[in-house]
N, C-alpha and C. Protein backbone atom coordinates (compact mmCIF):
# COMPACT_ATOMS: atom_id res chain seq x y z
N MET A 1 7.58 -44.19 -58.33
CA MET A 1 7.30 -43.47 -57.13
C MET A 1 6.28 -42.39 -57.44
N THR A 2 5.27 -42.34 -56.65
CA THR A 2 4.21 -41.36 -56.90
C THR A 2 4.40 -40.16 -55.98
N ALA A 3 4.15 -39.03 -56.48
CA ALA A 3 4.28 -37.80 -55.68
C ALA A 3 2.97 -37.53 -54.97
N GLU A 4 3.08 -37.35 -53.67
CA GLU A 4 1.87 -37.03 -52.90
C GLU A 4 1.86 -35.54 -52.62
N ARG A 5 0.75 -35.02 -52.73
CA ARG A 5 0.59 -33.60 -52.52
C ARG A 5 0.11 -33.37 -51.09
N ALA A 6 0.71 -32.40 -50.37
CA ALA A 6 0.30 -32.12 -49.00
C ALA A 6 -1.06 -31.46 -49.00
N SER A 7 -1.86 -31.81 -48.01
CA SER A 7 -3.20 -31.24 -47.94
C SER A 7 -3.14 -29.81 -47.41
N SER A 8 -4.21 -29.08 -47.62
CA SER A 8 -4.26 -27.69 -47.16
C SER A 8 -4.26 -27.62 -45.64
N SER A 9 -4.74 -28.63 -44.94
CA SER A 9 -4.73 -28.62 -43.48
C SER A 9 -3.29 -28.69 -42.96
N TYR A 10 -2.40 -29.36 -43.69
CA TYR A 10 -0.99 -29.42 -43.30
C TYR A 10 -0.38 -28.01 -43.34
N TYR A 11 -0.64 -27.28 -44.41
CA TYR A 11 -0.13 -25.92 -44.53
C TYR A 11 -0.74 -25.00 -43.47
N PHE A 12 -2.00 -25.17 -43.21
CA PHE A 12 -2.67 -24.37 -42.18
C PHE A 12 -2.05 -24.64 -40.81
N ALA A 13 -1.82 -25.89 -40.46
CA ALA A 13 -1.22 -26.24 -39.17
C ALA A 13 0.20 -25.69 -39.07
N ALA A 14 0.97 -25.77 -40.15
CA ALA A 14 2.33 -25.25 -40.14
C ALA A 14 2.33 -23.73 -39.96
N ALA A 15 1.44 -23.04 -40.63
CA ALA A 15 1.34 -21.58 -40.49
C ALA A 15 0.91 -21.21 -39.07
N ALA A 16 -0.02 -21.95 -38.49
CA ALA A 16 -0.47 -21.68 -37.13
C ALA A 16 0.67 -21.88 -36.14
N LEU A 17 1.49 -22.90 -36.36
CA LEU A 17 2.63 -23.17 -35.48
C LEU A 17 3.65 -22.02 -35.55
N VAL A 18 3.94 -21.55 -36.76
CA VAL A 18 4.88 -20.44 -36.93
C VAL A 18 4.34 -19.18 -36.24
N ILE A 19 3.04 -18.89 -36.38
CA ILE A 19 2.43 -17.72 -35.74
C ILE A 19 2.49 -17.85 -34.22
N ALA A 20 2.21 -19.04 -33.71
CA ALA A 20 2.25 -19.26 -32.26
C ALA A 20 3.66 -19.06 -31.71
N ILE A 21 4.66 -19.57 -32.38
CA ILE A 21 6.05 -19.41 -31.93
C ILE A 21 6.45 -17.93 -31.97
N ALA A 22 6.12 -17.24 -33.03
CA ALA A 22 6.44 -15.82 -33.14
C ALA A 22 5.73 -15.01 -32.06
N SER A 23 4.47 -15.33 -31.80
CA SER A 23 3.71 -14.63 -30.75
C SER A 23 4.34 -14.85 -29.39
N PHE A 24 4.80 -16.06 -29.13
CA PHE A 24 5.44 -16.36 -27.85
C PHE A 24 6.66 -15.47 -27.65
N PHE A 25 7.51 -15.36 -28.66
CA PHE A 25 8.72 -14.55 -28.52
C PHE A 25 8.40 -13.06 -28.38
N VAL A 26 7.40 -12.59 -29.09
CA VAL A 26 7.02 -11.17 -28.99
C VAL A 26 6.49 -10.89 -27.58
N LEU A 27 5.58 -11.72 -27.08
CA LEU A 27 5.03 -11.51 -25.74
C LEU A 27 6.09 -11.68 -24.65
N ALA A 28 6.95 -12.65 -24.78
CA ALA A 28 8.02 -12.84 -23.80
C ALA A 28 8.93 -11.62 -23.77
N GLY A 29 9.24 -11.07 -24.92
CA GLY A 29 10.06 -9.86 -24.97
C GLY A 29 9.38 -8.68 -24.30
N LEU A 30 8.07 -8.53 -24.48
CA LEU A 30 7.35 -7.44 -23.83
C LEU A 30 7.35 -7.60 -22.31
N VAL A 31 7.15 -8.80 -21.84
CA VAL A 31 7.12 -9.04 -20.39
C VAL A 31 8.49 -8.82 -19.78
N ILE A 32 9.52 -9.28 -20.42
CA ILE A 32 10.88 -9.16 -19.88
C ILE A 32 11.34 -7.71 -19.90
N HIS A 33 11.03 -6.96 -20.94
CA HIS A 33 11.57 -5.62 -21.10
C HIS A 33 10.68 -4.52 -20.53
N SER A 34 9.42 -4.81 -20.18
CA SER A 34 8.54 -3.79 -19.63
C SER A 34 8.68 -3.75 -18.12
N PRO A 35 9.01 -2.59 -17.57
CA PRO A 35 9.08 -2.50 -16.11
C PRO A 35 7.67 -2.59 -15.53
N GLN A 36 7.55 -3.33 -14.44
CA GLN A 36 6.25 -3.47 -13.81
C GLN A 36 5.99 -2.23 -12.97
N ARG A 37 4.78 -1.70 -13.04
CA ARG A 37 4.43 -0.49 -12.31
C ARG A 37 3.80 -0.90 -10.98
N LEU A 38 4.48 -0.56 -9.89
CA LEU A 38 4.02 -0.91 -8.56
C LEU A 38 4.15 0.27 -7.61
N SER A 39 3.23 0.35 -6.67
CA SER A 39 3.42 1.27 -5.55
C SER A 39 3.84 0.42 -4.36
N LEU A 40 4.97 0.77 -3.78
CA LEU A 40 5.50 0.08 -2.61
C LEU A 40 5.69 1.10 -1.51
N PHE A 41 5.31 0.75 -0.29
CA PHE A 41 5.39 1.72 0.79
C PHE A 41 6.36 1.28 1.87
N GLN A 42 7.23 2.22 2.25
CA GLN A 42 8.22 2.01 3.30
C GLN A 42 7.80 2.88 4.48
N VAL A 43 7.90 2.32 5.69
CA VAL A 43 7.55 3.05 6.91
C VAL A 43 8.81 3.24 7.73
N ASP A 44 9.14 4.49 8.04
CA ASP A 44 10.29 4.79 8.89
C ASP A 44 9.96 4.47 10.34
N ALA A 45 10.98 4.31 11.15
CA ALA A 45 10.79 4.06 12.58
C ALA A 45 10.10 5.27 13.22
N PRO A 46 9.23 5.02 14.19
CA PRO A 46 8.55 6.13 14.87
C PRO A 46 9.53 7.05 15.60
N THR A 47 9.22 8.34 15.60
CA THR A 47 9.99 9.33 16.35
C THR A 47 9.02 10.06 17.29
N THR A 48 9.53 10.54 18.40
CA THR A 48 8.70 11.26 19.36
C THR A 48 8.10 12.49 18.70
N ALA A 49 6.82 12.75 19.00
CA ALA A 49 6.12 13.90 18.41
C ALA A 49 5.21 14.53 19.45
N ALA A 50 4.84 15.77 19.20
CA ALA A 50 3.87 16.45 20.06
C ALA A 50 2.49 15.84 19.83
N CYS A 51 1.74 15.68 20.89
CA CYS A 51 0.39 15.13 20.77
C CYS A 51 -0.57 16.20 20.25
N PRO A 52 -1.49 15.83 19.38
CA PRO A 52 -2.45 16.79 18.84
C PRO A 52 -3.45 17.26 19.91
N ARG A 53 -4.08 18.36 19.62
CA ARG A 53 -5.13 18.89 20.48
C ARG A 53 -6.22 17.83 20.64
N TYR A 54 -6.86 17.77 21.76
CA TYR A 54 -7.92 16.83 22.12
C TYR A 54 -7.40 15.42 22.40
N SER A 55 -6.13 15.19 22.26
CA SER A 55 -5.58 13.86 22.51
C SER A 55 -5.51 13.60 24.00
N GLU A 56 -5.82 12.38 24.38
CA GLU A 56 -5.69 11.96 25.79
C GLU A 56 -4.54 10.98 25.93
N ALA A 57 -3.65 10.97 24.96
CA ALA A 57 -2.53 10.02 24.95
C ALA A 57 -1.48 10.40 25.97
N ASP A 58 -0.76 9.39 26.45
CA ASP A 58 0.38 9.62 27.34
C ASP A 58 1.61 10.06 26.55
N ALA A 59 1.71 9.62 25.31
CA ALA A 59 2.83 9.98 24.44
C ALA A 59 2.38 9.85 22.99
N CYS A 60 3.06 10.57 22.11
CA CYS A 60 2.74 10.48 20.68
C CYS A 60 4.02 10.29 19.88
N TYR A 61 3.87 9.62 18.75
CA TYR A 61 4.98 9.34 17.85
C TYR A 61 4.54 9.65 16.43
N ALA A 62 5.48 10.00 15.59
CA ALA A 62 5.21 10.24 14.17
C ALA A 62 5.95 9.20 13.35
N VAL A 63 5.29 8.70 12.30
CA VAL A 63 5.95 7.81 11.35
C VAL A 63 5.81 8.42 9.96
N GLN A 64 6.88 8.34 9.19
CA GLN A 64 6.84 8.80 7.81
C GLN A 64 6.64 7.59 6.91
N VAL A 65 5.70 7.71 5.99
CA VAL A 65 5.38 6.65 5.03
C VAL A 65 5.77 7.17 3.66
N HIS A 66 6.61 6.42 2.93
CA HIS A 66 7.10 6.85 1.61
C HIS A 66 6.67 5.84 0.55
N ASN A 67 6.26 6.35 -0.62
CA ASN A 67 6.01 5.48 -1.77
C ASN A 67 7.35 5.31 -2.49
N THR A 68 7.96 4.14 -2.33
CA THR A 68 9.26 3.86 -2.95
C THR A 68 9.10 3.12 -4.28
N GLY A 69 7.87 2.92 -4.71
CA GLY A 69 7.62 2.23 -5.98
C GLY A 69 7.73 3.17 -7.16
N ASN A 70 7.26 2.70 -8.31
CA ASN A 70 7.33 3.51 -9.54
C ASN A 70 5.95 3.86 -10.08
N ALA A 71 4.91 3.72 -9.23
CA ALA A 71 3.55 4.06 -9.64
C ALA A 71 2.82 4.67 -8.44
N PRO A 72 1.86 5.57 -8.70
CA PRO A 72 1.07 6.10 -7.59
C PRO A 72 0.20 5.01 -6.99
N GLY A 73 -0.16 5.17 -5.72
CA GLY A 73 -1.00 4.16 -5.10
C GLY A 73 -1.63 4.63 -3.81
N TYR A 74 -2.65 3.90 -3.40
CA TYR A 74 -3.32 4.12 -2.13
C TYR A 74 -2.62 3.26 -1.08
N VAL A 75 -2.63 3.73 0.17
CA VAL A 75 -1.95 3.02 1.24
C VAL A 75 -2.91 2.75 2.38
N GLN A 76 -2.73 1.61 3.02
CA GLN A 76 -3.46 1.29 4.25
C GLN A 76 -2.42 0.87 5.28
N CYS A 77 -2.54 1.44 6.48
CA CYS A 77 -1.57 1.18 7.54
C CYS A 77 -2.29 0.66 8.79
N ALA A 78 -1.57 -0.13 9.55
CA ALA A 78 -2.06 -0.64 10.83
C ALA A 78 -0.99 -0.40 11.87
N VAL A 79 -1.41 -0.15 13.10
CA VAL A 79 -0.48 0.11 14.19
C VAL A 79 -0.51 -1.07 15.15
N SER A 80 0.67 -1.44 15.66
CA SER A 80 0.80 -2.50 16.65
C SER A 80 1.39 -1.89 17.92
N PRO A 81 0.62 -1.90 19.02
CA PRO A 81 1.13 -1.32 20.26
C PRO A 81 2.16 -2.22 20.92
N ALA A 82 3.04 -1.60 21.70
CA ALA A 82 3.99 -2.37 22.51
C ALA A 82 3.23 -2.99 23.68
N ALA A 83 3.81 -3.97 24.32
CA ALA A 83 3.18 -4.64 25.45
C ALA A 83 2.82 -3.63 26.54
N GLY A 84 1.64 -3.77 27.10
CA GLY A 84 1.19 -2.90 28.18
C GLY A 84 0.70 -1.54 27.74
N THR A 85 0.54 -1.36 26.41
CA THR A 85 0.07 -0.08 25.89
C THR A 85 -1.03 -0.30 24.87
N SER A 86 -1.69 0.78 24.51
CA SER A 86 -2.60 0.79 23.36
C SER A 86 -2.13 1.91 22.44
N ALA A 87 -2.30 1.74 21.16
CA ALA A 87 -1.84 2.74 20.20
C ALA A 87 -2.85 2.89 19.08
N LEU A 88 -3.07 4.13 18.67
CA LEU A 88 -4.01 4.46 17.61
C LEU A 88 -3.42 5.54 16.72
N PHE A 89 -3.89 5.59 15.46
CA PHE A 89 -3.53 6.68 14.57
C PHE A 89 -4.40 7.87 14.94
N HIS A 90 -3.80 9.06 15.00
CA HIS A 90 -4.59 10.28 15.19
C HIS A 90 -5.21 10.60 13.85
N SER A 91 -6.47 11.01 13.87
CA SER A 91 -7.12 11.36 12.62
C SER A 91 -8.05 12.52 12.85
N SER A 92 -7.92 13.55 12.02
CA SER A 92 -8.90 14.62 12.02
C SER A 92 -9.58 14.55 10.67
N GLY A 93 -10.79 15.00 10.61
CA GLY A 93 -11.52 14.95 9.35
C GLY A 93 -12.46 13.76 9.28
N LEU A 94 -12.49 12.93 10.31
CA LEU A 94 -13.49 11.88 10.38
C LEU A 94 -14.77 12.49 10.94
N PRO A 95 -15.90 11.77 10.89
CA PRO A 95 -17.14 12.35 11.41
C PRO A 95 -16.96 12.90 12.83
N ASN A 96 -17.56 14.05 13.05
CA ASN A 96 -17.40 14.73 14.34
C ASN A 96 -18.02 13.93 15.47
N VAL A 97 -17.27 13.77 16.53
CA VAL A 97 -17.77 13.17 17.77
C VAL A 97 -17.97 14.33 18.72
N GLU A 98 -19.16 14.46 19.28
CA GLU A 98 -19.51 15.61 20.11
C GLU A 98 -18.42 15.96 21.12
N GLY A 99 -17.98 17.20 21.08
CA GLY A 99 -17.02 17.70 22.05
C GLY A 99 -15.57 17.38 21.73
N THR A 100 -15.29 16.82 20.56
CA THR A 100 -13.90 16.46 20.25
C THR A 100 -13.33 17.29 19.11
N GLY A 101 -14.12 18.17 18.54
CA GLY A 101 -13.61 18.99 17.44
C GLY A 101 -13.28 18.17 16.20
N GLY A 102 -13.97 17.05 15.99
CA GLY A 102 -13.73 16.23 14.81
C GLY A 102 -12.68 15.17 15.02
N TYR A 103 -12.14 15.09 16.23
CA TYR A 103 -11.07 14.13 16.52
C TYR A 103 -11.66 12.75 16.80
N GLN A 104 -11.14 11.75 16.10
CA GLN A 104 -11.57 10.37 16.32
C GLN A 104 -10.43 9.44 15.94
N PRO A 105 -9.74 8.82 16.91
CA PRO A 105 -8.60 7.95 16.59
C PRO A 105 -9.05 6.60 16.03
N SER A 106 -8.12 5.91 15.37
CA SER A 106 -8.42 4.61 14.77
C SER A 106 -7.16 3.74 14.77
N ASN A 107 -7.34 2.42 14.76
CA ASN A 107 -6.16 1.54 14.72
C ASN A 107 -5.70 1.27 13.29
N THR A 108 -6.39 1.81 12.29
CA THR A 108 -5.95 1.71 10.90
C THR A 108 -6.03 3.08 10.24
N TYR A 109 -5.25 3.25 9.20
CA TYR A 109 -5.29 4.46 8.39
C TYR A 109 -5.39 4.03 6.93
N SER A 110 -6.29 4.63 6.18
CA SER A 110 -6.41 4.38 4.74
C SER A 110 -6.39 5.71 4.01
N SER A 111 -5.53 5.84 3.02
CA SER A 111 -5.44 7.10 2.28
C SER A 111 -6.66 7.25 1.37
N SER A 112 -7.12 8.48 1.23
CA SER A 112 -8.25 8.75 0.32
C SER A 112 -7.74 9.30 -1.01
N GLN A 113 -6.44 9.59 -1.08
CA GLN A 113 -5.82 10.06 -2.31
C GLN A 113 -4.59 9.22 -2.60
N GLN A 114 -4.26 9.11 -3.88
CA GLN A 114 -3.07 8.36 -4.26
C GLN A 114 -1.82 9.10 -3.80
N ILE A 115 -0.82 8.34 -3.43
CA ILE A 115 0.48 8.89 -3.07
C ILE A 115 1.41 8.62 -4.25
N GLN A 116 2.00 9.67 -4.77
CA GLN A 116 2.86 9.58 -5.95
C GLN A 116 4.21 8.95 -5.60
N PRO A 117 4.89 8.36 -6.58
CA PRO A 117 6.23 7.83 -6.33
C PRO A 117 7.15 8.93 -5.80
N GLY A 118 7.95 8.60 -4.79
CA GLY A 118 8.86 9.56 -4.19
C GLY A 118 8.20 10.48 -3.18
N GLN A 119 6.89 10.41 -3.04
CA GLN A 119 6.16 11.25 -2.09
C GLN A 119 5.81 10.43 -0.85
N GLY A 120 5.31 11.10 0.15
CA GLY A 120 4.93 10.40 1.37
C GLY A 120 4.01 11.22 2.24
N LEU A 121 3.81 10.76 3.44
CA LEU A 121 2.99 11.45 4.40
C LEU A 121 3.48 11.12 5.80
N ILE A 122 3.06 11.92 6.77
CA ILE A 122 3.42 11.69 8.16
C ILE A 122 2.15 11.34 8.92
N LEU A 123 2.20 10.25 9.66
CA LEU A 123 1.08 9.81 10.47
C LEU A 123 1.47 9.92 11.94
N VAL A 124 0.53 10.37 12.77
CA VAL A 124 0.77 10.50 14.20
C VAL A 124 0.12 9.34 14.93
N LEU A 125 0.90 8.70 15.80
CA LEU A 125 0.43 7.58 16.61
C LEU A 125 0.28 8.05 18.05
N GLU A 126 -0.87 7.77 18.65
CA GLU A 126 -1.13 8.13 20.03
C GLU A 126 -1.00 6.88 20.89
N VAL A 127 -0.27 6.97 21.98
CA VAL A 127 -0.02 5.81 22.84
C VAL A 127 -0.51 6.10 24.25
N LYS A 128 -1.26 5.14 24.78
CA LYS A 128 -1.68 5.18 26.19
C LYS A 128 -1.08 3.96 26.86
N SER A 129 -0.59 4.14 28.07
CA SER A 129 -0.03 3.01 28.79
C SER A 129 -1.03 2.51 29.83
N SER A 130 -0.95 1.22 30.12
CA SER A 130 -1.78 0.63 31.17
C SER A 130 -1.27 1.13 32.51
N LYS A 131 -2.09 1.03 33.52
CA LYS A 131 -1.65 1.45 34.86
C LYS A 131 -0.40 0.67 35.25
N GLY A 132 0.60 1.40 35.66
CA GLY A 132 1.84 0.77 36.09
C GLY A 132 2.80 0.45 34.96
N SER A 133 2.39 0.65 33.70
CA SER A 133 3.28 0.37 32.56
C SER A 133 3.94 1.65 32.09
N ARG A 134 5.10 1.50 31.50
CA ARG A 134 5.77 2.64 30.87
C ARG A 134 5.28 2.76 29.44
N THR A 135 5.25 3.98 28.97
CA THR A 135 4.88 4.20 27.58
C THR A 135 6.00 3.67 26.70
N ALA A 136 5.65 2.86 25.70
CA ALA A 136 6.64 2.28 24.80
C ALA A 136 6.26 2.57 23.36
N GLN A 137 7.25 2.62 22.53
CA GLN A 137 7.09 2.94 21.12
C GLN A 137 6.32 1.84 20.39
N PRO A 138 5.27 2.21 19.62
CA PRO A 138 4.55 1.23 18.81
C PRO A 138 5.26 1.00 17.48
N THR A 139 4.75 0.08 16.69
CA THR A 139 5.23 -0.10 15.32
C THR A 139 4.05 0.07 14.37
N ALA A 140 4.35 0.44 13.15
CA ALA A 140 3.32 0.60 12.13
C ALA A 140 3.78 -0.09 10.86
N GLY A 141 2.84 -0.67 10.15
CA GLY A 141 3.12 -1.30 8.86
C GLY A 141 2.11 -0.84 7.84
N CYS A 142 2.54 -0.68 6.60
CA CYS A 142 1.67 -0.17 5.54
C CYS A 142 1.79 -1.02 4.28
N LEU A 143 0.69 -1.12 3.56
CA LEU A 143 0.62 -1.86 2.30
C LEU A 143 -0.09 -1.05 1.24
N SER A 144 0.24 -1.31 0.01
CA SER A 144 -0.48 -0.74 -1.11
C SER A 144 -1.81 -1.47 -1.25
N VAL A 145 -2.88 -0.72 -1.45
CA VAL A 145 -4.23 -1.31 -1.57
C VAL A 145 -4.93 -0.74 -2.79
N PRO A 146 -5.98 -1.42 -3.26
CA PRO A 146 -6.77 -0.88 -4.37
C PRO A 146 -7.45 0.42 -3.96
N ALA A 147 -7.91 1.17 -4.93
CA ALA A 147 -8.60 2.42 -4.65
C ALA A 147 -9.83 2.16 -3.78
N PRO A 148 -10.07 3.03 -2.77
CA PRO A 148 -11.26 2.87 -1.93
C PRO A 148 -12.52 3.00 -2.78
N ALA A 149 -13.60 2.42 -2.30
CA ALA A 149 -14.88 2.50 -3.01
C ALA A 149 -15.25 3.95 -3.25
N GLY A 150 -15.63 4.25 -4.47
CA GLY A 150 -16.02 5.61 -4.83
C GLY A 150 -14.87 6.49 -5.27
N PHE A 151 -13.63 5.97 -5.29
CA PHE A 151 -12.46 6.73 -5.69
C PHE A 151 -11.87 6.13 -6.96
N GLY A 152 -11.07 6.96 -7.65
CA GLY A 152 -10.22 6.60 -8.76
C GLY A 152 -10.66 5.58 -9.66
């Protein structure tokens, strides 16, 4: 019986297999044990609020938006009016519209600063009803979004 000697490529392949298996277990352990960092936003039900100055709304509501995640994040919100109404977010600090004192409503809101975990903000919704309609409460929904252009 003759003894055959294993080639160096056999040893190289065996070493590569052992390294690959070890790497798999190390990476799997990191993924399983590392908490994922996310910003998640919860929106409370709207509550009746005083309408801001310059508002022509029939009624106003406030919604609280909370970052319930474990990482800071930017938020974008959209408002959905009830049937027979229109609803917009009140916003000051947008470009001045002549005679409005800087007031310009919008159907979306985007944060310009990150909201920290456990922190939040209050958004005011302005509601106008159609002729003959009653003012009804709108709904708002918010999502975590990437940093706006020119930020963070």
